[in-house]
Amino acid sequence: MAAHPQTTVTSLIGRSLTVEGELSGEESLHVDGKIKGIVRLNGDLVVGPSGVVEAEIEVQNIFILGTVTGRVTARQRFEVQPSGRFEGEAAAAAYEIHPGAVFEGTSRMLAARKPGAEPSPPKPPAAS
């Protein structure tokens, strides 16, 4: 069994909790319950084995051990553990899909950036 992702998790949605709506914040979140809606965090999202998330998600890193459906943007890492299942659209700077994991959908690579870094402005067209 793979080691649990090393993240600083400061908030928890327990197994018996269901949240509908928009969640946003600076910290990381661990989900063992259910979320439906929008999740925007400057931290990480860990979806535990019993967690179910149906959402538009924007996070630093995502670690999926449960089920995630929707559109995910992970500014750094997108990881699906062997018990995890993802269905939808993903955009991330790095991917790790472990043997036994399910990934059904599309993926797009993002340019790797340091946390908090602003994207580079577009270059002007070359003079002819």
Protein backbone atom coordinates (compact mmCIF):
# COMPACT_ATOMS: atom_id res chain seq x y z
CA MET A 1 0.00 0.00 0.00
CA ALA A 2 1.30 3.46 -0.91
CA ALA A 3 2.18 5.90 1.82
CA HIS A 4 -0.39 8.57 2.65
CA PRO A 5 0.33 11.85 0.85
CA GLN A 6 2.43 14.24 2.93
CA THR A 7 0.34 17.39 3.15
CA THR A 8 -0.51 19.89 5.82
CA VAL A 9 -4.21 19.21 6.33
CA THR A 10 -5.92 21.66 8.63
CA SER A 11 -9.61 21.04 7.92
CA LEU A 12 -11.65 17.83 7.76
CA ILE A 13 -15.04 16.94 6.33
CA GLY A 14 -15.97 13.73 8.16
CA ARG A 15 -17.75 10.66 6.78
CA SER A 16 -21.19 11.68 7.97
CA LEU A 17 -21.00 15.20 6.51
CA THR A 18 -22.38 16.38 3.16
CA VAL A 19 -21.53 19.87 1.91
CA GLU A 20 -23.22 21.57 -1.05
CA GLY A 21 -22.08 24.95 -2.32
CA GLU A 22 -18.75 26.75 -2.56
CA LEU A 23 -15.72 26.11 -0.35
CA SER A 24 -12.72 28.43 -0.52
CA GLY A 25 -9.74 29.15 1.69
CA GLU A 26 -6.02 29.31 2.23
CA GLU A 27 -5.59 25.96 3.97
CA SER A 28 -5.70 22.32 2.92
CA LEU A 29 -8.74 20.07 3.22
CA HIS A 30 -9.27 16.33 3.82
CA VAL A 31 -12.63 14.93 2.67
CA ASP A 32 -14.03 11.66 4.02
CA GLY A 33 -17.64 12.77 3.44
CA LYS A 34 -19.32 14.30 0.38
CA ILE A 35 -18.93 17.62 -1.42
CA LYS A 36 -20.99 18.88 -4.33
CA GLY A 37 -20.27 22.30 -5.84
CA ILE A 38 -17.07 24.37 -6.09
CA VAL A 39 -13.79 23.94 -4.18
CA ARG A 40 -11.12 26.66 -4.44
CA LEU A 41 -8.14 26.31 -2.11
CA ASN A 42 -4.63 27.71 -1.99
CA GLY A 43 -3.73 24.49 -0.18
CA ASP A 44 -4.15 20.82 -1.06
CA LEU A 45 -7.22 18.59 -1.34
CA VAL A 46 -7.06 15.01 -0.07
CA VAL A 47 -10.11 12.89 -0.91
CA GLY A 48 -10.03 9.94 1.48
CA PRO A 49 -11.17 6.40 0.55
CA SER A 50 -14.76 7.14 1.65
CA GLY A 51 -14.77 10.64 0.15
CA VAL A 52 -16.98 11.57 -2.80
CA VAL A 53 -16.52 14.94 -4.51
CA GLU A 54 -18.56 16.22 -7.45
CA ALA A 55 -17.16 19.66 -8.14
CA GLU A 56 -15.22 22.22 -10.05
CA ILE A 57 -11.92 22.14 -8.15
CA GLU A 58 -8.93 24.52 -8.06
CA VAL A 59 -6.14 23.52 -5.65
CA GLN A 60 -2.37 23.38 -5.28
CA ASN A 61 -2.26 19.55 -5.22
CA ILE A 62 -4.97 16.89 -5.24
CA PHE A 63 -4.61 13.36 -3.86
CA ILE A 64 -7.51 11.06 -4.73
CA LEU A 65 -8.10 7.91 -2.68
CA GLY A 66 -11.90 8.05 -3.05
CA THR A 67 -14.07 9.32 -5.92
CA VAL A 68 -13.85 12.66 -7.73
CA THR A 69 -16.08 13.73 -10.62
CA GLY A 70 -15.81 17.07 -12.37
CA ARG A 71 -13.23 19.57 -13.56
CA VAL A 72 -9.95 19.77 -11.62
CA THR A 73 -7.11 22.27 -11.87
CA ALA A 74 -4.12 21.31 -9.73
CA ARG A 75 -1.47 24.01 -9.95
CA GLN A 76 1.20 21.43 -9.11
CA ARG A 77 0.34 17.73 -8.63
CA PHE A 78 -2.62 15.51 -9.55
CA GLU A 79 -2.39 12.04 -7.98
CA VAL A 80 -4.80 9.11 -8.01
CA GLN A 81 -3.98 6.35 -5.51
CA PRO A 82 -4.88 2.67 -6.21
CA SER A 83 -8.25 3.01 -4.42
CA GLY A 84 -9.05 6.26 -6.23
CA ARG A 85 -11.40 7.01 -9.10
CA PHE A 86 -11.49 10.17 -11.23
CA GLU A 87 -13.97 11.04 -13.99
CA GLY A 88 -13.82 14.37 -15.80
CA GLU A 89 -11.36 17.00 -17.02
CA ALA A 90 -7.99 17.51 -15.35
CA ALA A 91 -5.29 20.14 -15.75
CA ALA A 92 -2.07 19.88 -13.72
CA ALA A 93 1.68 20.48 -13.86
CA ALA A 94 2.38 16.83 -12.90
CA TYR A 95 0.36 13.61 -12.84
CA GLU A 96 0.75 10.32 -11.02
CA ILE A 97 -1.84 7.62 -11.65
CA HIS A 98 -1.04 4.52 -9.58
CA PRO A 99 -1.71 0.96 -10.79
CA GLY A 100 -5.30 0.03 -9.95
CA ALA A 101 -6.49 3.64 -10.00
CA VAL A 102 -9.21 4.72 -12.45
CA PHE A 103 -8.83 7.84 -14.61
CA GLU A 104 -11.63 8.38 -17.13
CA GLY A 105 -11.58 11.68 -18.96
CA THR A 106 -9.16 14.18 -20.38
CA SER A 107 -5.91 15.62 -19.08
CA ARG A 108 -3.96 18.74 -19.93
CA MET A 109 -0.45 19.68 -18.78
CA LEU A 110 0.10 23.06 -17.15
CA ALA A 111 3.44 24.82 -17.14
CA ALA A 112 5.12 24.21 -13.78
CA ARG A 113 5.15 27.35 -11.62
CA LYS A 114 6.26 28.08 -8.11
CA PRO A 115 3.35 28.56 -5.67
CA GLY A 116 2.09 32.14 -5.82
CA ALA A 117 4.08 32.99 -8.96
CA GLU A 118 2.34 35.09 -11.56
CA PRO A 119 2.15 33.70 -15.09
CA SER A 120 4.53 35.25 -17.60
CA PRO A 121 2.95 37.85 -19.88
CA PRO A 122 2.53 36.78 -23.49
CA LYS A 123 5.41 37.70 -25.79
CA PRO A 124 4.67 40.26 -28.49
CA PRO A 125 4.64 38.94 -32.06
CA ALA A 126 8.00 39.03 -33.84
CA ALA A 127 8.55 41.89 -36.22
CA SER A 128 8.68 40.89 -39.87
